[in-house]
Amino acid sequence: MRRSAVFLSLLPLVAAGVYLALPQDPDGPPAAPSTATARSAPEEAKDRAEREREQDDALIAALPPGLADPRKKELALAVVASAEHSTTDWRSTYGVVEDRGDGCGYTAGIIGFCTGTHDLLTLVGRYTEDRPGNALAPYLPALRTVDGSDSHEGLDPGFTAAWAAEARVPAFRAAQEAERDRVYFDPAVRLAKLDGLGTLGQLVYFDAMVLHGPDTDPDGFYGLRERAMERADTPAEGGAEETYLDAFLDVHRATMLSRRPDGDTSRVDTAQRRFLRAGNLDLDTPLVWEMYGERHRLP
């Protein structure tokens, strides 16, 4: 998380600190804070955040497109789809919906939205705002109930059929893509660029964001990044890109195994780590990797 976000989260504490620091009259009511002072902290923080955002935007605009290049993005989506759905044809997965027994409830759609991890609820909620009569709208109360669990309460038996039916609607396909980019792809690529990472590093961040979620706890994406930065400097901090990515993948893999000690880690071992070992920081094609024992090659 960038400094601006942390600073903004502390604004209530800043305002409270200003108030408590004022001298008090023991015989009268507490002195009121200066209106100018009370207003200046939020305004200054807002200005600072906007300046940092503008500076970041300018920095990113001057960099190579990386995964923002449509051809590279297609490669990234294929690699992640091979991990999430065992296929490189990510467009064939809009209608996929299944319970994988991983504690996340139903996993569905192009990026593995889950009923237990809030992102599927958010997707359906936002989609329903635009298209109230869709086939998934009646399941919103149940999705709110099961959010955070692996329960199917209120979803069975009709939810999977409703998802598959709605996945044939172009607007819902577009909604899945937009939510994937809003929650996972765009933030991952942006932060990777600010960390000085090239195209491979942007894929590494994107995949980790998808698998671990955009969370700040130790096992969420931002927690993984923090732990990796304790082991190695990012290129933006003057570190070597290969060294930092190696450290990040170590943390990524260890977190996967901490959740499922017998789980498959090929998305790291025989895909991303293989690209790194080959020095393919730009994801140049042909791209060859293995996922769950199956060999893939693009183009």
C-alpha atoms as a PDB file:
ATOM      1  CA  MET A   1       0.000   0.000   0.000  1.00  0.00           C
ATOM      2  CA  ARG A   2       1.412   3.349  -1.001  1.00  0.00           C
ATOM      3  CA  ARG A   3       2.121   6.049   1.519  1.00  0.00           C
ATOM      4  CA  SER A   4      -0.765   8.206   0.336  1.00  0.00           C
ATOM      5  CA  ALA A   5      -3.282   5.478   1.166  1.00  0.00           C
ATOM      6  CA  VAL A   6      -1.780   4.941   4.604  1.00  0.00           C
ATOM      7  CA  PHE A   7      -1.709   8.660   5.275  1.00  0.00           C
ATOM      8  CA  LEU A   8      -5.351   9.069   4.346  1.00  0.00           C
ATOM      9  CA  SER A   9      -6.317   6.218   6.638  1.00  0.00           C
ATOM     10  CA  LEU A  10      -4.734   8.091   9.533  1.00  0.00           C
ATOM     11  CA  LEU A  11      -6.682  11.296   9.041  1.00  0.00           C
ATOM     12  CA  PRO A  12      -9.131  10.708  11.917  1.00  0.00           C
ATOM     13  CA  LEU A  13      -6.154  10.179  14.218  1.00  0.00           C
ATOM     14  CA  VAL A  14      -4.498  13.346  12.972  1.00  0.00           C
ATOM     15  CA  ALA A  15      -7.621  15.394  13.635  1.00  0.00           C
ATOM     16  CA  ALA A  16      -8.017  13.854  17.083  1.00  0.00           C
ATOM     17  CA  GLY A  17      -4.369  14.564  17.852  1.00  0.00           C
ATOM     18  CA  VAL A  18      -4.784  18.232  16.973  1.00  0.00           C
ATOM     19  CA  TYR A  19      -7.752  18.499  19.317  1.00  0.00           C
ATOM     20  CA  LEU A  20      -6.085  16.733  22.233  1.00  0.00           C
ATOM     21  CA  ALA A  21      -2.916  18.780  21.922  1.00  0.00           C
ATOM     22  CA  LEU A  22      -4.719  22.063  22.495  1.00  0.00           C
ATOM     23  CA  PRO A  23      -4.351  23.648  25.957  1.00  0.00           C
ATOM     24  CA  GLN A  24      -7.319  23.029  28.237  1.00  0.00           C
ATOM     25  CA  ASP A  25      -8.955  25.371  30.767  1.00  0.00           C
ATOM     26  CA  PRO A  26      -9.366  23.308  33.975  1.00  0.00           C
ATOM     27  CA  ASP A  27     -12.280  25.497  35.082  1.00  0.00           C
ATOM     28  CA  GLY A  28     -14.125  25.582  31.796  1.00  0.00           C
ATOM     29  CA  PRO A  29     -15.064  23.481  28.796  1.00  0.00           C
ATOM     30  CA  PRO A  30     -12.308  22.121  26.549  1.00  0.00           C
ATOM     31  CA  ALA A  31     -10.987  24.624  24.092  1.00  0.00           C
ATOM     32  CA  ALA A  32     -12.332  24.091  20.599  1.00  0.00           C
ATOM     33  CA  PRO A  33      -9.817  23.349  17.883  1.00  0.00           C
ATOM     34  CA  SER A  34      -9.076  26.048  15.375  1.00  0.00           C
ATOM     35  CA  THR A  35     -11.354  25.666  12.376  1.00  0.00           C
ATOM     36  CA  ALA A  36      -8.491  26.460  10.044  1.00  0.00           C
ATOM     37  CA  THR A  37      -6.247  23.850  11.679  1.00  0.00           C
ATOM     38  CA  ALA A  38      -8.962  21.174  11.762  1.00  0.00           C
ATOM     39  CA  ARG A  39      -9.623  21.632   8.071  1.00  0.00           C
ATOM     40  CA  SER A  40      -6.037  21.900   6.945  1.00  0.00           C
ATOM     41  CA  ALA A  41      -5.018  18.305   7.724  1.00  0.00           C
ATOM     42  CA  PRO A  42      -7.613  16.621   5.485  1.00  0.00           C
ATOM     43  CA  GLU A  43      -7.142  19.203   2.767  1.00  0.00           C
ATOM     44  CA  GLU A  44      -3.375  18.855   2.875  1.00  0.00           C
ATOM     45  CA  ALA A  45      -3.637  15.062   2.808  1.00  0.00           C
ATOM     46  CA  LYS A  46      -6.019  15.201  -0.146  1.00  0.00           C
ATOM     47  CA  ASP A  47      -3.684  17.523  -2.033  1.00  0.00           C
ATOM     48  CA  ARG A  48      -0.726  15.307  -1.222  1.00  0.00           C
ATOM     49  CA  ALA A  49      -2.540  12.184  -2.402  1.00  0.00           C
ATOM     50  CA  GLU A  50      -3.548  13.904  -5.633  1.00  0.00           C
ATOM     51  CA  ARG A  51       0.008  15.108  -6.225  1.00  0.00           C
ATOM     52  CA  GLU A  52       1.399  11.620  -5.655  1.00  0.00           C
ATOM     53  CA  ARG A  53      -1.232  10.137  -7.942  1.00  0.00           C
ATOM     54  CA  GLU A  54      -0.358  12.634 -10.660  1.00  0.00           C
ATOM     55  CA  GLN A  55       3.351  11.916 -10.224  1.00  0.00           C
ATOM     56  CA  ASP A  56       2.707   8.172 -10.384  1.00  0.00           C
ATOM     57  CA  ASP A  57       0.554   8.589 -13.492  1.00  0.00           C
ATOM     58  CA  ALA A  58       3.313  10.584 -15.173  1.00  0.00           C
ATOM     59  CA  LEU A  59       5.898   7.956 -14.248  1.00  0.00           C
ATOM     60  CA  ILE A  60       3.757   5.103 -15.567  1.00  0.00           C
ATOM     61  CA  ALA A  61       2.965   6.976 -18.788  1.00  0.00           C
ATOM     62  CA  ALA A  62       6.688   7.254 -19.514  1.00  0.00           C
ATOM     63  CA  LEU A  63       7.278   3.508 -19.068  1.00  0.00           C
ATOM     64  CA  PRO A  64       6.921   0.736 -21.665  1.00  0.00           C
ATOM     65  CA  PRO A  65       3.347  -0.627 -21.767  1.00  0.00           C
ATOM     66  CA  GLY A  66       4.252  -4.044 -20.370  1.00  0.00           C
ATOM     67  CA  LEU A  67       1.094  -6.047 -19.719  1.00  0.00           C
ATOM     68  CA  ALA A  68      -0.964  -3.055 -20.840  1.00  0.00           C
ATOM     69  CA  ASP A  69       0.036  -4.058 -24.367  1.00  0.00           C
ATOM     70  CA  PRO A  70      -2.983  -6.091 -25.576  1.00  0.00           C
ATOM     71  CA  ARG A  71      -0.742  -8.870 -26.893  1.00  0.00           C
ATOM     72  CA  LYS A  72       1.076  -9.219 -23.580  1.00  0.00           C
ATOM     73  CA  LYS A  73      -2.190  -9.042 -21.675  1.00  0.00           C
ATOM     74  CA  GLU A  74      -3.505 -11.969 -23.720  1.00  0.00           C
ATOM     75  CA  LEU A  75      -0.433 -13.974 -22.737  1.00  0.00           C
ATOM     76  CA  ALA A  76      -0.930 -13.124 -19.066  1.00  0.00           C
ATOM     77  CA  LEU A  77      -4.611 -14.058 -19.151  1.00  0.00           C
ATOM     78  CA  ALA A  78      -3.725 -17.368 -20.793  1.00  0.00           C
ATOM     79  CA  VAL A  79      -1.085 -18.194 -18.169  1.00  0.00           C
ATOM     80  CA  VAL A  80      -3.431 -17.350 -15.295  1.00  0.00           C
ATOM     81  CA  ALA A  81      -6.277 -19.294 -16.942  1.00  0.00           C
ATOM     82  CA  SER A  82      -4.023 -22.338 -17.150  1.00  0.00           C
ATOM     83  CA  ALA A  83      -3.638 -22.111 -13.368  1.00  0.00           C
ATOM     84  CA  GLU A  84      -7.253 -21.259 -12.560  1.00  0.00           C
ATOM     85  CA  HIS A  85      -9.031 -23.433 -15.130  1.00  0.00           C
ATOM     86  CA  SER A  86      -6.401 -25.724 -16.724  1.00  0.00           C
ATOM     87  CA  THR A  87      -6.865 -24.091 -20.118  1.00  0.00           C
ATOM     88  CA  THR A  88      -5.187 -21.254 -21.983  1.00  0.00           C
ATOM     89  CA  ASP A  89      -8.506 -20.346 -23.643  1.00  0.00           C
ATOM     90  CA  TRP A  90      -9.707 -17.940 -20.959  1.00  0.00           C
ATOM     91  CA  ARG A  91     -12.726 -16.908 -23.033  1.00  0.00           C
ATOM     92  CA  SER A  92     -14.128 -20.418 -22.670  1.00  0.00           C
ATOM     93  CA  THR A  93     -14.471 -19.980 -18.896  1.00  0.00           C
ATOM     94  CA  TYR A  94     -17.185 -17.324 -18.472  1.00  0.00           C
ATOM     95  CA  GLY A  95     -19.716 -20.015 -17.582  1.00  0.00           C
ATOM     96  CA  VAL A  96     -17.521 -22.229 -15.406  1.00  0.00           C
ATOM     97  CA  VAL A  97     -18.957 -22.672 -11.896  1.00  0.00           C
ATOM     98  CA  GLU A  98     -17.936 -25.360  -9.403  1.00  0.00           C
ATOM     99  CA  ASP A  99     -17.103 -26.002  -5.774  1.00  0.00           C
ATOM    100  CA  ARG A 100     -13.464 -27.075  -5.636  1.00  0.00           C
ATOM    101  CA  GLY A 101     -13.520 -28.041  -1.991  1.00  0.00           C
ATOM    102  CA  ASP A 102     -11.041 -25.304  -1.067  1.00  0.00           C
ATOM    103  CA  GLY A 103     -13.249 -23.520   1.451  1.00  0.00           C
ATOM    104  CA  CYS A 104     -14.171 -20.721  -0.952  1.00  0.00           C
ATOM    105  CA  GLY A 105     -17.634 -21.955  -1.893  1.00  0.00           C
ATOM    106  CA  TYR A 106     -18.463 -21.774  -5.576  1.00  0.00           C
ATOM    107  CA  THR A 107     -15.667 -20.642  -7.896  1.00  0.00           C
ATOM    108  CA  ALA A 108     -16.930 -19.159 -11.139  1.00  0.00           C
ATOM    109  CA  GLY A 109     -16.056 -17.187 -14.221  1.00  0.00           C
ATOM    110  CA  ILE A 110     -12.941 -16.053 -15.994  1.00  0.00           C
ATOM    111  CA  ILE A 111     -10.820 -15.247 -12.954  1.00  0.00           C
ATOM    112  CA  GLY A 112     -12.301 -17.601 -10.384  1.00  0.00           C
ATOM    113  CA  PHE A 113     -14.699 -15.264  -8.577  1.00  0.00           C
ATOM    114  CA  CYS A 114     -15.776 -16.988  -5.350  1.00  0.00           C
ATOM    115  CA  THR A 115     -18.976 -16.933  -3.324  1.00  0.00           C
ATOM    116  CA  GLY A 116     -16.889 -17.095  -0.156  1.00  0.00           C
ATOM    117  CA  THR A 117     -14.408 -14.316  -0.885  1.00  0.00           C
ATOM    118  CA  HIS A 118     -16.663 -11.331  -1.626  1.00  0.00           C
ATOM    119  CA  ASP A 119     -15.564 -10.743  -5.219  1.00  0.00           C
ATOM    120  CA  LEU A 120     -18.402 -12.776  -6.743  1.00  0.00           C
ATOM    121  CA  LEU A 121     -20.928 -10.911  -4.599  1.00  0.00           C
ATOM    122  CA  THR A 122     -19.440  -7.602  -5.727  1.00  0.00           C
ATOM    123  CA  LEU A 123     -19.532  -8.661  -9.373  1.00  0.00           C
ATOM    124  CA  VAL A 124     -23.180  -9.734  -9.254  1.00  0.00           C
ATOM    125  CA  GLY A 125     -24.155  -6.673  -7.229  1.00  0.00           C
ATOM    126  CA  ARG A 126     -22.556  -4.220  -9.648  1.00  0.00           C
ATOM    127  CA  TYR A 127     -23.955  -6.095 -12.641  1.00  0.00           C
ATOM    128  CA  THR A 128     -27.452  -6.068 -11.157  1.00  0.00           C
ATOM    129  CA  GLU A 129     -27.310  -2.305 -10.713  1.00  0.00           C
ATOM    130  CA  ASP A 130     -27.008  -2.052 -14.499  1.00  0.00           C
ATOM    131  CA  ARG A 131     -29.278  -4.993 -15.387  1.00  0.00           C
ATOM    132  CA  PRO A 132     -31.787  -5.540 -12.556  1.00  0.00           C
ATOM    133  CA  GLY A 133     -33.661  -8.367 -14.268  1.00  0.00           C
ATOM    134  CA  ASN A 134     -30.704 -10.696 -14.765  1.00  0.00           C
ATOM    135  CA  ALA A 135     -30.853 -14.382 -13.826  1.00  0.00           C
ATOM    136  CA  LEU A 136     -28.445 -13.961 -10.893  1.00  0.00           C
ATOM    137  CA  ALA A 137     -30.212 -11.044  -9.192  1.00  0.00           C
ATOM    138  CA  PRO A 138     -32.564 -13.289  -7.140  1.00  0.00           C
ATOM    139  CA  TYR A 139     -29.499 -14.880  -5.519  1.00  0.00           C
ATOM    140  CA  LEU A 140     -28.084 -11.641  -4.103  1.00  0.00           C
ATOM    141  CA  PRO A 141     -29.608 -12.169  -0.613  1.00  0.00           C
ATOM    142  CA  ALA A 142     -28.110 -15.664  -0.462  1.00  0.00           C
ATOM    143  CA  LEU A 143     -24.754 -14.409  -1.749  1.00  0.00           C
ATOM    144  CA  ARG A 144     -24.666 -11.862   1.063  1.00  0.00           C
ATOM    145  CA  THR A 145     -25.470 -14.604   3.577  1.00  0.00           C
ATOM    146  CA  VAL A 146     -22.748 -17.029   2.436  1.00  0.00           C
ATOM    147  CA  ASP A 147     -20.078 -14.372   1.858  1.00  0.00           C
ATOM    148  CA  GLY A 148     -16.997 -15.336   3.856  1.00  0.00           C
ATOM    149  CA  SER A 149     -17.911 -19.025   4.042  1.00  0.00           C
ATOM    150  CA  ASP A 150     -18.072 -22.124   1.859  1.00  0.00           C
ATOM    151  CA  SER A 151     -21.817 -22.509   2.377  1.00  0.00           C
ATOM    152  CA  HIS A 152     -24.276 -23.067  -0.477  1.00  0.00           C
ATOM    153  CA  GLU A 153     -27.245 -22.022   1.639  1.00  0.00           C
ATOM    154  CA  GLY A 154     -29.853 -20.386  -0.552  1.00  0.00           C
ATOM    155  CA  LEU A 155     -27.808 -21.011  -3.704  1.00  0.00           C
ATOM    156  CA  ASP A 156     -28.643 -24.629  -4.423  1.00  0.00           C
ATOM    157  CA  PRO A 157     -30.037 -26.011  -6.557  1.00  0.00           C
ATOM    158  CA  GLY A 158     -30.469 -23.190  -9.078  1.00  0.00           C
ATOM    159  CA  PHE A 159     -27.440 -20.920  -8.783  1.00  0.00           C
ATOM    160  CA  THR A 160     -25.061 -22.875 -11.019  1.00  0.00           C
ATOM    161  CA  ALA A 161     -27.621 -23.067 -13.827  1.00  0.00           C
ATOM    162  CA  ALA A 162     -28.369 -19.352 -13.475  1.00  0.00           C
ATOM    163  CA  TRP A 163     -24.666 -18.512 -13.688  1.00  0.00           C
ATOM    164  CA  ALA A 164     -24.187 -20.660 -16.792  1.00  0.00           C
ATOM    165  CA  ALA A 165     -27.225 -19.079 -18.435  1.00  0.00           C
ATOM    166  CA  GLU A 166     -26.182 -15.513 -17.640  1.00  0.00           C
ATOM    167  CA  ALA A 167     -22.654 -16.245 -18.875  1.00  0.00           C
ATOM    168  CA  ARG A 168     -24.103 -16.482 -22.377  1.00  0.00           C
ATOM    169  CA  VAL A 169     -25.196 -12.832 -22.147  1.00  0.00           C
ATOM    170  CA  PRO A 170     -22.593 -10.486 -23.695  1.00  0.00           C
ATOM    171  CA  ALA A 171     -23.210  -7.854 -21.013  1.00  0.00           C
ATOM    172  CA  PHE A 172     -22.331 -10.304 -18.234  1.00  0.00           C
ATOM    173  CA  ARG A 173     -19.194 -11.378 -20.046  1.00  0.00           C
ATOM    174  CA  ALA A 174     -18.204  -7.734 -20.312  1.00  0.00           C
ATOM    175  CA  ALA A 175     -18.985  -7.273 -16.607  1.00  0.00           C
ATOM    176  CA  GLN A 176     -16.678 -10.165 -15.689  1.00  0.00           C
ATOM    177  CA  GLU A 177     -13.853  -8.655 -17.720  1.00  0.00           C
ATOM    178  CA  ALA A 178     -14.393  -5.196 -16.252  1.00  0.00           C
ATOM    179  CA  GLU A 179     -14.388  -6.532 -12.679  1.00  0.00           C
ATOM    180  CA  ARG A 180     -11.276  -8.613 -13.344  1.00  0.00           C
ATOM    181  CA  ASP A 181      -9.462  -5.529 -14.571  1.00  0.00           C
ATOM    182  CA  ARG A 182     -10.793  -3.202 -11.863  1.00  0.00           C
ATOM    183  CA  VAL A 183     -10.009  -5.451  -8.901  1.00  0.00           C
ATOM    184  CA  TYR A 184      -7.023  -7.505 -10.040  1.00  0.00           C
ATOM    185  CA  PHE A 185      -5.329  -6.676 -13.325  1.00  0.00           C
ATOM    186  CA  ASP A 186      -5.109  -2.884 -13.282  1.00  0.00           C
ATOM    187  CA  PRO A 187      -3.987  -2.499  -9.628  1.00  0.00           C
ATOM    188  CA  ALA A 188      -1.417  -5.295  -9.987  1.00  0.00           C
ATOM    189  CA  VAL A 189       0.102  -3.900 -13.174  1.00  0.00           C
ATOM    190  CA  ARG A 190       0.136  -0.350 -11.828  1.00  0.00           C
ATOM    191  CA  LEU A 191       1.891  -1.300  -8.594  1.00  0.00           C
ATOM    192  CA  ALA A 192       4.363  -3.556 -10.388  1.00  0.00           C
ATOM    193  CA  LYS A 193       5.356  -0.666 -12.636  1.00  0.00           C
ATOM    194  CA  LEU A 194       5.773   1.639  -9.645  1.00  0.00           C
ATOM    195  CA  ASP A 195       7.984  -1.039  -8.072  1.00  0.00           C
ATOM    196  CA  GLY A 196      10.141  -0.945 -11.194  1.00  0.00           C
ATOM    197  CA  LEU A 197       9.083  -4.346 -12.522  1.00  0.00           C
ATOM    198  CA  GLY A 198       8.854  -5.288 -16.172  1.00  0.00           C
ATOM    199  CA  THR A 199       6.318  -7.446 -17.972  1.00  0.00           C
ATOM    200  CA  LEU A 200       7.106 -10.693 -16.147  1.00  0.00           C
ATOM    201  CA  GLY A 201       6.967  -8.950 -12.780  1.00  0.00           C
ATOM    202  CA  GLN A 202       3.585  -7.511 -13.702  1.00  0.00           C
ATOM    203  CA  LEU A 203       2.340 -11.031 -14.464  1.00  0.00           C
ATOM    204  CA  VAL A 204       3.743 -12.270 -11.142  1.00  0.00           C
ATOM    205  CA  TYR A 205       1.850  -9.550  -9.259  1.00  0.00           C
ATOM    206  CA  PHE A 206      -1.345 -10.177 -11.231  1.00  0.00           C
ATOM    207  CA  ASP A 207      -1.296 -13.910 -10.570  1.00  0.00           C
ATOM    208  CA  ALA A 208      -0.609 -13.383  -6.865  1.00  0.00           C
ATOM    209  CA  MET A 209      -3.402 -10.806  -6.652  1.00  0.00           C
ATOM    210  CA  VAL A 210      -5.820 -13.314  -8.202  1.00  0.00           C
ATOM    211  CA  LEU A 211      -4.795 -16.224  -5.990  1.00  0.00           C
ATOM    212  CA  HIS A 212      -4.328 -14.464  -2.654  1.00  0.00           C
ATOM    213  CA  GLY A 213      -6.755 -11.584  -3.044  1.00  0.00           C
ATOM    214  CA  PRO A 214      -6.144  -7.817  -2.857  1.00  0.00           C
ATOM    215  CA  ASP A 215      -5.903  -7.930   0.928  1.00  0.00           C
ATOM    216  CA  THR A 216      -3.497  -6.339   3.398  1.00  0.00           C
ATOM    217  CA  ASP A 217      -3.315  -9.257   5.840  1.00  0.00           C
ATOM    218  CA  PRO A 218      -0.034 -11.250   5.873  1.00  0.00           C
ATOM    219  CA  ASP A 219      -1.365 -13.832   3.410  1.00  0.00           C
ATOM    220  CA  GLY A 220      -3.056 -11.332   1.083  1.00  0.00           C
ATOM    221  CA  PHE A 221      -1.296  -9.823  -1.910  1.00  0.00           C
ATOM    222  CA  TYR A 222      -0.126  -6.690  -0.120  1.00  0.00           C
ATOM    223  CA  GLY A 223       1.097  -8.784   2.791  1.00  0.00           C
ATOM    224  CA  LEU A 224       3.089 -10.962   0.385  1.00  0.00           C
ATOM    225  CA  ARG A 225       4.633  -7.882  -1.194  1.00  0.00           C
ATOM    226  CA  GLU A 226       5.577  -6.495   2.213  1.00  0.00           C
ATOM    227  CA  ARG A 227       7.256  -9.769   3.172  1.00  0.00           C
ATOM    228  CA  ALA A 228       9.126  -9.949  -0.137  1.00  0.00           C
ATOM    229  CA  MET A 229      10.369  -6.379   0.331  1.00  0.00           C
ATOM    230  CA  GLU A 230      11.823  -7.417   3.683  1.00  0.00           C
ATOM    231  CA  ARG A 231      13.967  -9.950   1.823  1.00  0.00           C
ATOM    232  CA  ALA A 232      15.000  -7.926  -1.213  1.00  0.00           C
ATOM    233  CA  ASP A 233      14.779  -4.390  -2.566  1.00  0.00           C
ATOM    234  CA  THR A 234      12.479  -3.700  -5.476  1.00  0.00           C
ATOM    235  CA  PRO A 235      14.074  -2.286  -8.626  1.00  0.00           C
ATOM    236  CA  ALA A 236      12.503   1.062  -7.714  1.00  0.00           C
ATOM    237  CA  GLU A 237      14.512   0.884  -4.476  1.00  0.00           C
ATOM    238  CA  GLY A 238      17.699   0.058  -6.354  1.00  0.00           C
ATOM    239  CA  GLY A 239      17.477  -3.727  -6.166  1.00  0.00           C
ATOM    240  CA  ALA A 240      17.970  -6.256  -8.948  1.00  0.00           C
ATOM    241  CA  GLU A 241      14.715  -7.264 -10.633  1.00  0.00           C
ATOM    242  CA  GLU A 242      15.569 -10.972 -10.766  1.00  0.00           C
ATOM    243  CA  THR A 243      16.537 -11.033  -7.083  1.00  0.00           C
ATOM    244  CA  TYR A 244      13.357  -9.315  -5.976  1.00  0.00           C
ATOM    245  CA  LEU A 245      11.112 -11.512  -8.134  1.00  0.00           C
ATOM    246  CA  ASP A 246      12.848 -14.597  -6.778  1.00  0.00           C
ATOM    247  CA  ALA A 247      12.086 -13.408  -3.242  1.00  0.00           C
ATOM    248  CA  PHE A 248       8.475 -12.622  -4.126  1.00  0.00           C
ATOM    249  CA  LEU A 249       7.946 -16.044  -5.701  1.00  0.00           C
ATOM    250  CA  ASP A 250       9.451 -17.681  -2.600  1.00  0.00           C
ATOM    251  CA  VAL A 251       6.877 -15.897  -0.442  1.00  0.00           C
ATOM    252  CA  HIS A 252       4.099 -16.631  -2.944  1.00  0.00           C
ATOM    253  CA  ARG A 253       4.929 -20.349  -2.929  1.00  0.00           C
ATOM    254  CA  ALA A 254       5.344 -20.571   0.850  1.00  0.00           C
ATOM    255  CA  THR A 255       1.943 -18.958   1.362  1.00  0.00           C
ATOM    256  CA  MET A 256       0.316 -21.445  -0.990  1.00  0.00           C
ATOM    257  CA  LEU A 257       1.821 -24.334   0.969  1.00  0.00           C
ATOM    258  CA  SER A 258       0.877 -22.829   4.327  1.00  0.00           C
ATOM    259  CA  ARG A 259      -2.758 -23.069   3.264  1.00  0.00           C
ATOM    260  CA  ARG A 260      -2.516 -26.472   1.608  1.00  0.00           C
ATOM    261  CA  PRO A 261       0.712 -28.331   2.467  1.00  0.00           C
ATOM    262  CA  ASP A 262       0.012 -30.925  -0.212  1.00  0.00           C
ATOM    263  CA  GLY A 263      -1.118 -28.367  -2.786  1.00  0.00           C
ATOM    264  CA  ASP A 264       0.249 -27.984  -6.294  1.00  0.00           C
ATOM    265  CA  THR A 265       2.656 -25.069  -6.754  1.00  0.00           C
ATOM    266  CA  SER A 266       3.308 -25.412 -10.466  1.00  0.00           C
ATOM    267  CA  ARG A 267       1.969 -21.903 -11.178  1.00  0.00           C
ATOM    268  CA  VAL A 268       5.199 -20.796  -9.478  1.00  0.00           C
ATOM    269  CA  ASP A 269       7.595 -23.705 -10.023  1.00  0.00           C
ATOM    270  CA  THR A 270       7.078 -24.628 -13.670  1.00  0.00           C
ATOM    271  CA  ALA A 271       5.563 -21.418 -14.998  1.00  0.00           C
ATOM    272  CA  GLN A 272       6.629 -18.083 -13.503  1.00  0.00           C
ATOM    273  CA  ARG A 273       9.895 -19.352 -12.005  1.00  0.00           C
ATOM    274  CA  ARG A 274      10.729 -20.991 -15.321  1.00  0.00           C
ATOM    275  CA  PHE A 275      10.261 -17.679 -17.142  1.00  0.00           C
ATOM    276  CA  LEU A 276      12.456 -15.984 -14.537  1.00  0.00           C
ATOM    277  CA  ARG A 277      15.222 -18.592 -14.735  1.00  0.00           C
ATOM    278  CA  ALA A 278      15.247 -18.165 -18.516  1.00  0.00           C
ATOM    279  CA  GLY A 279      15.687 -14.415 -18.098  1.00  0.00           C
ATOM    280  CA  ASN A 280      12.438 -13.807 -19.980  1.00  0.00           C
ATOM    281  CA  LEU A 281      11.532 -10.600 -18.169  1.00  0.00           C
ATOM    282  CA  ASP A 282       9.597  -9.309 -21.190  1.00  0.00           C
ATOM    283  CA  LEU A 283       7.479 -12.456 -21.689  1.00  0.00           C
ATOM    284  CA  ASP A 284       8.789 -12.900 -25.191  1.00  0.00           C
ATOM    285  CA  THR A 285       7.212 -15.676 -27.224  1.00  0.00           C
ATOM    286  CA  PRO A 286       7.238 -18.551 -27.727  1.00  0.00           C
ATOM    287  CA  LEU A 287       6.220 -18.961 -24.103  1.00  0.00           C
ATOM    288  CA  VAL A 288       6.458 -22.516 -22.778  1.00  0.00           C
ATOM    289  CA  TRP A 289       5.403 -23.697 -19.318  1.00  0.00           C
ATOM    290  CA  GLU A 290       3.812 -26.586 -17.455  1.00  0.00           C
ATOM    291  CA  MET A 291       0.746 -26.456 -15.242  1.00  0.00           C
ATOM    292  CA  TYR A 292      -0.407 -29.461 -13.228  1.00  0.00           C
ATOM    293  CA  GLY A 293       1.777 -31.667 -15.408  1.00  0.00           C
ATOM    294  CA  GLU A 294       0.351 -30.376 -18.694  1.00  0.00           C
ATOM    295  CA  ARG A 295       2.627 -28.572 -21.141  1.00  0.00           C
ATOM    296  CA  HIS A 296       1.492 -25.273 -22.673  1.00  0.00           C
ATOM    297  CA  ARG A 297       3.024 -23.221 -25.457  1.00  0.00           C
ATOM    298  CA  LEU A 298       2.074 -19.797 -26.834  1.00  0.00           C
ATOM    299  CA  PRO A 299       1.741 -18.792 -29.545  1.00  0.00           C
END
